[in-house]
Amino acid sequence: MDIGKVIKERRALLGISQQDLSDYSGVSISTVKDLERGVGNPSIDTLKKILDVVGLEIILQVKQTV
């Protein structure tokens, strides 16, 4: 599942519009729309602002190599 789909589903669960998410996060509406459609390429900072509003977080892991 891609991050845009996760954000869209979470936003719907919370009952907030794309405009609300834009307003609450301080991220442009076009960025929110692009991200949800899977065509956006936001910075980590932008993604964090959006995820904070919907109650999600980014967890980075180092891949184990053999």
PDB file of N, CA and C in Angstrom:
ATOM      1  N   MET A   1       0.848  -1.174   0.000  1.00  0.00           N
ATOM      2  CA  MET A   1       0.000   0.000   0.000  1.00  0.00           C
ATOM      3  C   MET A   1       0.900   1.245   0.000  1.00  0.00           C
ATOM      4  N   ASP A   2       0.591   2.182  -0.862  1.00  0.00           N
ATOM      5  CA  ASP A   2       1.427   3.384  -0.924  1.00  0.00           C
ATOM      6  C   ASP A   2       0.973   4.421   0.093  1.00  0.00           C
ATOM      7  N   ILE A   3       1.851   5.336   0.403  1.00  0.00           N
ATOM      8  CA  ILE A   3       1.609   6.328   1.459  1.00  0.00           C
ATOM      9  C   ILE A   3       0.414   7.231   1.133  1.00  0.00           C
ATOM     10  N   GLY A   4       0.231   7.561  -0.142  1.00  0.00           N
ATOM     11  CA  GLY A   4      -0.904   8.400  -0.527  1.00  0.00           C
ATOM     12  C   GLY A   4      -2.235   7.751  -0.211  1.00  0.00           C
ATOM     13  N   LYS A   5      -2.313   6.461  -0.467  1.00  0.00           N
ATOM     14  CA  LYS A   5      -3.548   5.727  -0.188  1.00  0.00           C
ATOM     15  C   LYS A   5      -3.794   5.643   1.320  1.00  0.00           C
ATOM     16  N   VAL A   6      -2.734   5.430   2.078  1.00  0.00           N
ATOM     17  CA  VAL A   6      -2.852   5.370   3.542  1.00  0.00           C
ATOM     18  C   VAL A   6      -3.360   6.708   4.081  1.00  0.00           C
ATOM     19  N   ILE A   7      -2.785   7.803   3.585  1.00  0.00           N
ATOM     20  CA  ILE A   7      -3.202   9.141   4.032  1.00  0.00           C
ATOM     21  C   ILE A   7      -4.661   9.393   3.667  1.00  0.00           C
ATOM     22  N   LYS A   8      -5.044   9.041   2.449  1.00  0.00           N
ATOM     23  CA  LYS A   8      -6.423   9.254   2.005  1.00  0.00           C
ATOM     24  C   LYS A   8      -7.410   8.468   2.871  1.00  0.00           C
ATOM     25  N   GLU A   9      -7.098   7.211   3.149  1.00  0.00           N
ATOM     26  CA  GLU A   9      -7.980   6.386   3.974  1.00  0.00           C
ATOM     27  C   GLU A   9      -8.067   6.925   5.404  1.00  0.00           C
ATOM     28  N   ARG A  10      -6.940   7.342   5.947  1.00  0.00           N
ATOM     29  CA  ARG A  10      -6.925   7.876   7.310  1.00  0.00           C
ATOM     30  C   ARG A  10      -7.704   9.194   7.388  1.00  0.00           C
ATOM     31  N   ARG A  11      -7.517  10.033   6.365  1.00  0.00           N
ATOM     32  CA  ARG A  11      -8.232  11.309   6.305  1.00  0.00           C
ATOM     33  C   ARG A  11      -9.734  11.067   6.255  1.00  0.00           C
ATOM     34  N   ALA A  12     -10.162  10.088   5.459  1.00  0.00           N
ATOM     35  CA  ALA A  12     -11.582   9.760   5.349  1.00  0.00           C
ATOM     36  C   ALA A  12     -12.117   9.233   6.681  1.00  0.00           C
ATOM     37  N   LEU A  13     -11.329   8.405   7.343  1.00  0.00           N
ATOM     38  CA  LEU A  13     -11.718   7.864   8.645  1.00  0.00           C
ATOM     39  C   LEU A  13     -11.921   8.979   9.664  1.00  0.00           C
ATOM     40  N   LEU A  14     -11.078  10.007   9.586  1.00  0.00           N
ATOM     41  CA  LEU A  14     -11.181  11.135  10.504  1.00  0.00           C
ATOM     42  C   LEU A  14     -12.261  12.134  10.095  1.00  0.00           C
ATOM     43  N   GLY A  15     -12.776  11.983   8.881  1.00  0.00           N
ATOM     44  CA  GLY A  15     -13.842  12.865   8.412  1.00  0.00           C
ATOM     45  C   GLY A  15     -13.371  14.258   8.052  1.00  0.00           C
ATOM     46  N   ILE A  16     -12.130  14.371   7.582  1.00  0.00           N
ATOM     47  CA  ILE A  16     -11.644  15.691   7.171  1.00  0.00           C
ATOM     48  C   ILE A  16     -11.421  15.711   5.653  1.00  0.00           C
ATOM     49  N   SER A  17     -11.650  16.855   5.077  1.00  0.00           N
ATOM     50  CA  SER A  17     -11.494  17.017   3.629  1.00  0.00           C
ATOM     51  C   SER A  17     -10.023  17.258   3.284  1.00  0.00           C
ATOM     52  N   GLN A  18      -9.726  17.204   2.003  1.00  0.00           N
ATOM     53  CA  GLN A  18      -8.382  17.537   1.547  1.00  0.00           C
ATOM     54  C   GLN A  18      -8.052  18.982   1.917  1.00  0.00           C
ATOM     55  N   GLN A  19      -9.038  19.864   1.804  1.00  0.00           N
ATOM     56  CA  GLN A  19      -8.821  21.269   2.155  1.00  0.00           C
ATOM     57  C   GLN A  19      -8.515  21.410   3.643  1.00  0.00           C
ATOM     58  N   ASP A  20      -9.240  20.667   4.476  1.00  0.00           N
ATOM     59  CA  ASP A  20      -8.961  20.687   5.912  1.00  0.00           C
ATOM     60  C   ASP A  20      -7.537  20.224   6.191  1.00  0.00           C
ATOM     61  N   LEU A  21      -7.141  19.138   5.567  1.00  0.00           N
ATOM     62  CA  LEU A  21      -5.793  18.610   5.758  1.00  0.00           C
ATOM     63  C   LEU A  21      -4.754  19.633   5.331  1.00  0.00           C
ATOM     64  N   SER A  22      -5.010  20.295   4.229  1.00  0.00           N
ATOM     65  CA  SER A  22      -4.117  21.352   3.761  1.00  0.00           C
ATOM     66  C   SER A  22      -4.031  22.479   4.784  1.00  0.00           C
ATOM     67  N   ASP A  23      -5.176  22.930   5.255  1.00  0.00           N
ATOM     68  CA  ASP A  23      -5.217  24.031   6.223  1.00  0.00           C
ATOM     69  C   ASP A  23      -4.525  23.662   7.531  1.00  0.00           C
ATOM     70  N   TYR A  24      -4.815  22.482   8.059  1.00  0.00           N
ATOM     71  CA  TYR A  24      -4.268  22.066   9.348  1.00  0.00           C
ATOM     72  C   TYR A  24      -2.761  21.806   9.285  1.00  0.00           C
ATOM     73  N   SER A  25      -2.284  21.318   8.135  1.00  0.00           N
ATOM     74  CA  SER A  25      -0.870  20.962   8.018  1.00  0.00           C
ATOM     75  C   SER A  25       0.001  22.102   7.492  1.00  0.00           C
ATOM     76  N   GLY A  26      -0.638  23.084   6.850  1.00  0.00           N
ATOM     77  CA  GLY A  26       0.140  24.164   6.245  1.00  0.00           C
ATOM     78  C   GLY A  26       0.771  23.767   4.931  1.00  0.00           C
ATOM     79  N   VAL A  27       0.286  22.689   4.347  1.00  0.00           N
ATOM     80  CA  VAL A  27       0.772  22.180   3.063  1.00  0.00           C
ATOM     81  C   VAL A  27      -0.253  22.549   2.001  1.00  0.00           C
ATOM     82  N   SER A  28       0.189  22.918   0.816  1.00  0.00           N
ATOM     83  CA  SER A  28      -0.745  23.356  -0.223  1.00  0.00           C
ATOM     84  C   SER A  28      -1.724  22.246  -0.599  1.00  0.00           C
ATOM     85  N   ILE A  29      -2.914  22.653  -1.003  1.00  0.00           N
ATOM     86  CA  ILE A  29      -3.938  21.702  -1.421  1.00  0.00           C
ATOM     87  C   ILE A  29      -3.472  20.873  -2.613  1.00  0.00           C
ATOM     88  N   SER A  30      -2.722  21.478  -3.520  1.00  0.00           N
ATOM     89  CA  SER A  30      -2.237  20.733  -4.688  1.00  0.00           C
ATOM     90  C   SER A  30      -1.264  19.629  -4.265  1.00  0.00           C
ATOM     91  N   THR A  31      -0.456  19.885  -3.243  1.00  0.00           N
ATOM     92  CA  THR A  31       0.462  18.857  -2.739  1.00  0.00           C
ATOM     93  C   THR A  31      -0.310  17.707  -2.116  1.00  0.00           C
ATOM     94  N   VAL A  32      -1.333  18.027  -1.340  1.00  0.00           N
ATOM     95  CA  VAL A  32      -2.166  16.988  -0.731  1.00  0.00           C
ATOM     96  C   VAL A  32      -2.824  16.136  -1.816  1.00  0.00           C
ATOM     97  N   LYS A  33      -3.408  16.778  -2.810  1.00  0.00           N
ATOM     98  CA  LYS A  33      -4.076  16.049  -3.892  1.00  0.00           C
ATOM     99  C   LYS A  33      -3.100  15.176  -4.664  1.00  0.00           C
ATOM    100  N   ASP A  34      -1.940  15.730  -4.997  1.00  0.00           N
ATOM    101  CA  ASP A  34      -0.934  14.966  -5.733  1.00  0.00           C
ATOM    102  C   ASP A  34      -0.466  13.751  -4.933  1.00  0.00           C
ATOM    103  N   LEU A  35      -0.221  13.953  -3.664  1.00  0.00           N
ATOM    104  CA  LEU A  35       0.233  12.856  -2.810  1.00  0.00           C
ATOM    105  C   LEU A  35      -0.799  11.745  -2.747  1.00  0.00           C
ATOM    106  N   GLU A  36      -2.060  12.098  -2.575  1.00  0.00           N
ATOM    107  CA  GLU A  36      -3.118  11.086  -2.493  1.00  0.00           C
ATOM    108  C   GLU A  36      -3.312  10.351  -3.817  1.00  0.00           C
ATOM    109  N   ARG A  37      -3.014  11.007  -4.933  1.00  0.00           N
ATOM    110  CA  ARG A  37      -3.127  10.359  -6.241  1.00  0.00           C
ATOM    111  C   ARG A  37      -1.876   9.558  -6.602  1.00  0.00           C
ATOM    112  N   GLY A  38      -0.861   9.662  -5.760  1.00  0.00           N
ATOM    113  CA  GLY A  38       0.355   8.896  -6.013  1.00  0.00           C
ATOM    114  C   GLY A  38       1.302   9.554  -6.984  1.00  0.00           C
ATOM    115  N   VAL A  39       1.100  10.837  -7.266  1.00  0.00           N
ATOM    116  CA  VAL A  39       1.990  11.521  -8.208  1.00  0.00           C
ATOM    117  C   VAL A  39       2.877  12.543  -7.509  1.00  0.00           C
ATOM    118  N   GLY A  40       2.688  12.728  -6.222  1.00  0.00           N
ATOM    119  CA  GLY A  40       3.493  13.690  -5.486  1.00  0.00           C
ATOM    120  C   GLY A  40       4.816  13.092  -5.048  1.00  0.00           C
ATOM    121  N   ASN A  41       5.772  13.950  -4.812  1.00  0.00           N
ATOM    122  CA  ASN A  41       7.069  13.541  -4.298  1.00  0.00           C
ATOM    123  C   ASN A  41       7.467  14.524  -3.195  1.00  0.00           C
ATOM    124  N   PRO A  42       6.763  14.458  -2.053  1.00  0.00           N
ATOM    125  CA  PRO A  42       6.985  15.451  -1.007  1.00  0.00           C
ATOM    126  C   PRO A  42       8.298  15.214  -0.267  1.00  0.00           C
ATOM    127  N   SER A  43       8.810  16.270   0.328  1.00  0.00           N
ATOM    128  CA  SER A  43       9.983  16.127   1.192  1.00  0.00           C
ATOM    129  C   SER A  43       9.543  15.408   2.471  1.00  0.00           C
ATOM    130  N   ILE A  44      10.503  14.934   3.220  1.00  0.00           N
ATOM    131  CA  ILE A  44      10.196  14.289   4.498  1.00  0.00           C
ATOM    132  C   ILE A  44       9.497  15.276   5.426  1.00  0.00           C
ATOM    133  N   ASP A  45       9.927  16.525   5.413  1.00  0.00           N
ATOM    134  CA  ASP A  45       9.317  17.551   6.262  1.00  0.00           C
ATOM    135  C   ASP A  45       7.839  17.757   5.910  1.00  0.00           C
ATOM    136  N   THR A  46       7.543  17.843   4.622  1.00  0.00           N
ATOM    137  CA  THR A  46       6.156  18.009   4.169  1.00  0.00           C
ATOM    138  C   THR A  46       5.322  16.798   4.550  1.00  0.00           C
ATOM    139  N   LEU A  47       5.868  15.626   4.325  1.00  0.00           N
ATOM    140  CA  LEU A  47       5.160  14.398   4.667  1.00  0.00           C
ATOM    141  C   LEU A  47       4.892  14.336   6.172  1.00  0.00           C
ATOM    142  N   LYS A  48       5.862  14.742   6.982  1.00  0.00           N
ATOM    143  CA  LYS A  48       5.682  14.739   8.435  1.00  0.00           C
ATOM    144  C   LYS A  48       4.555  15.678   8.851  1.00  0.00           C
ATOM    145  N   LYS A  49       4.454  16.833   8.240  1.00  0.00           N
ATOM    146  CA  LYS A  49       3.379  17.782   8.570  1.00  0.00           C
ATOM    147  C   LYS A  49       2.010  17.157   8.315  1.00  0.00           C
ATOM    148  N   ILE A  50       1.887  16.477   7.192  1.00  0.00           N
ATOM    149  CA  ILE A  50       0.619  15.833   6.831  1.00  0.00           C
ATOM    150  C   ILE A  50       0.317  14.676   7.784  1.00  0.00           C
ATOM    151  N   LEU A  51       1.323  13.849   8.031  1.00  0.00           N
ATOM    152  CA  LEU A  51       1.120  12.683   8.886  1.00  0.00           C
ATOM    153  C   LEU A  51       0.802  13.074  10.321  1.00  0.00           C
ATOM    154  N   ASP A  52       1.374  14.175  10.804  1.00  0.00           N
ATOM    155  CA  ASP A  52       1.056  14.653  12.156  1.00  0.00           C
ATOM    156  C   ASP A  52      -0.435  14.950  12.297  1.00  0.00           C
ATOM    157  N   VAL A  53      -1.015  15.541  11.264  1.00  0.00           N
ATOM    158  CA  VAL A  53      -2.439  15.898  11.308  1.00  0.00           C
ATOM    159  C   VAL A  53      -3.323  14.652  11.367  1.00  0.00           C
ATOM    160  N   VAL A  54      -2.960  13.619  10.627  1.00  0.00           N
ATOM    161  CA  VAL A  54      -3.797  12.413  10.582  1.00  0.00           C
ATOM    162  C   VAL A  54      -3.388  11.364  11.616  1.00  0.00           C
ATOM    163  N   GLY A  55      -2.408  11.703  12.459  1.00  0.00           N
ATOM    164  CA  GLY A  55      -2.045  10.811  13.557  1.00  0.00           C
ATOM    165  C   GLY A  55      -1.187   9.633  13.152  1.00  0.00           C
ATOM    166  N   LEU A  56      -0.353   9.817  12.141  1.00  0.00           N
ATOM    167  CA  LEU A  56       0.564   8.764  11.703  1.00  0.00           C
ATOM    168  C   LEU A  56       1.989   9.271  11.847  1.00  0.00           C
ATOM    169  N   GLU A  57       2.959   8.354  11.763  1.00  0.00           N
ATOM    170  CA  GLU A  57       4.354   8.755  11.852  1.00  0.00           C
ATOM    171  C   GLU A  57       5.202   7.980  10.856  1.00  0.00           C
ATOM    172  N   ILE A  58       6.358   8.521  10.570  1.00  0.00           N
ATOM    173  CA  ILE A  58       7.321   7.876   9.674  1.00  0.00           C
ATOM    174  C   ILE A  58       8.315   7.113  10.540  1.00  0.00           C
ATOM    175  N   ILE A  59       8.560   5.868  10.185  1.00  0.00           N
ATOM    176  CA  ILE A  59       9.580   5.073  10.869  1.00  0.00           C
ATOM    177  C   ILE A  59      10.545   4.576   9.802  1.00  0.00           C
ATOM    178  N   LEU A  60      11.804   4.970   9.932  1.00  0.00           N
ATOM    179  CA  LEU A  60      12.836   4.543   8.993  1.00  0.00           C
ATOM    180  C   LEU A  60      13.621   3.402   9.600  1.00  0.00           C
ATOM    181  N   GLN A  61      13.915   2.401   8.778  1.00  0.00           N
ATOM    182  CA  GLN A  61      14.689   1.258   9.241  1.00  0.00           C
ATOM    183  C   GLN A  61      15.837   1.016   8.274  1.00  0.00           C
ATOM    184  N   VAL A  62      16.952   0.565   8.820  1.00  0.00           N
ATOM    185  CA  VAL A  62      18.081   0.182   7.995  1.00  0.00           C
ATOM    186  C   VAL A  62      17.892  -1.281   7.607  1.00  0.00           C
ATOM    187  N   LYS A  63      17.991  -1.529   6.321  1.00  0.00           N
ATOM    188  CA  LYS A  63      17.812  -2.878   5.808  1.00  0.00           C
ATOM    189  C   LYS A  63      18.998  -3.746   6.203  1.00  0.00           C
ATOM    190  N   GLN A  64      18.723  -4.939   6.661  1.00  0.00           N
ATOM    191  CA  GLN A  64      19.777  -5.877   7.018  1.00  0.00           C
ATOM    192  C   GLN A  64      20.343  -6.524   5.762  1.00  0.00           C
ATOM    193  N   THR A  65      21.638  -6.599   5.698  1.00  0.00           N
ATOM    194  CA  THR A  65      22.283  -7.276   4.568  1.00  0.00           C
ATOM    195  C   THR A  65      23.018  -8.498   5.073  1.00  0.00           C
ATOM    196  N   VAL A  66      23.133  -9.464   4.223  1.00  0.00           N
ATOM    197  CA  VAL A  66      23.787 -10.725   4.606  1.00  0.00           C
ATOM    198  C   VAL A  66      25.218 -10.725   4.164  1.00  0.00           C
TER     199      VAL A  66
END
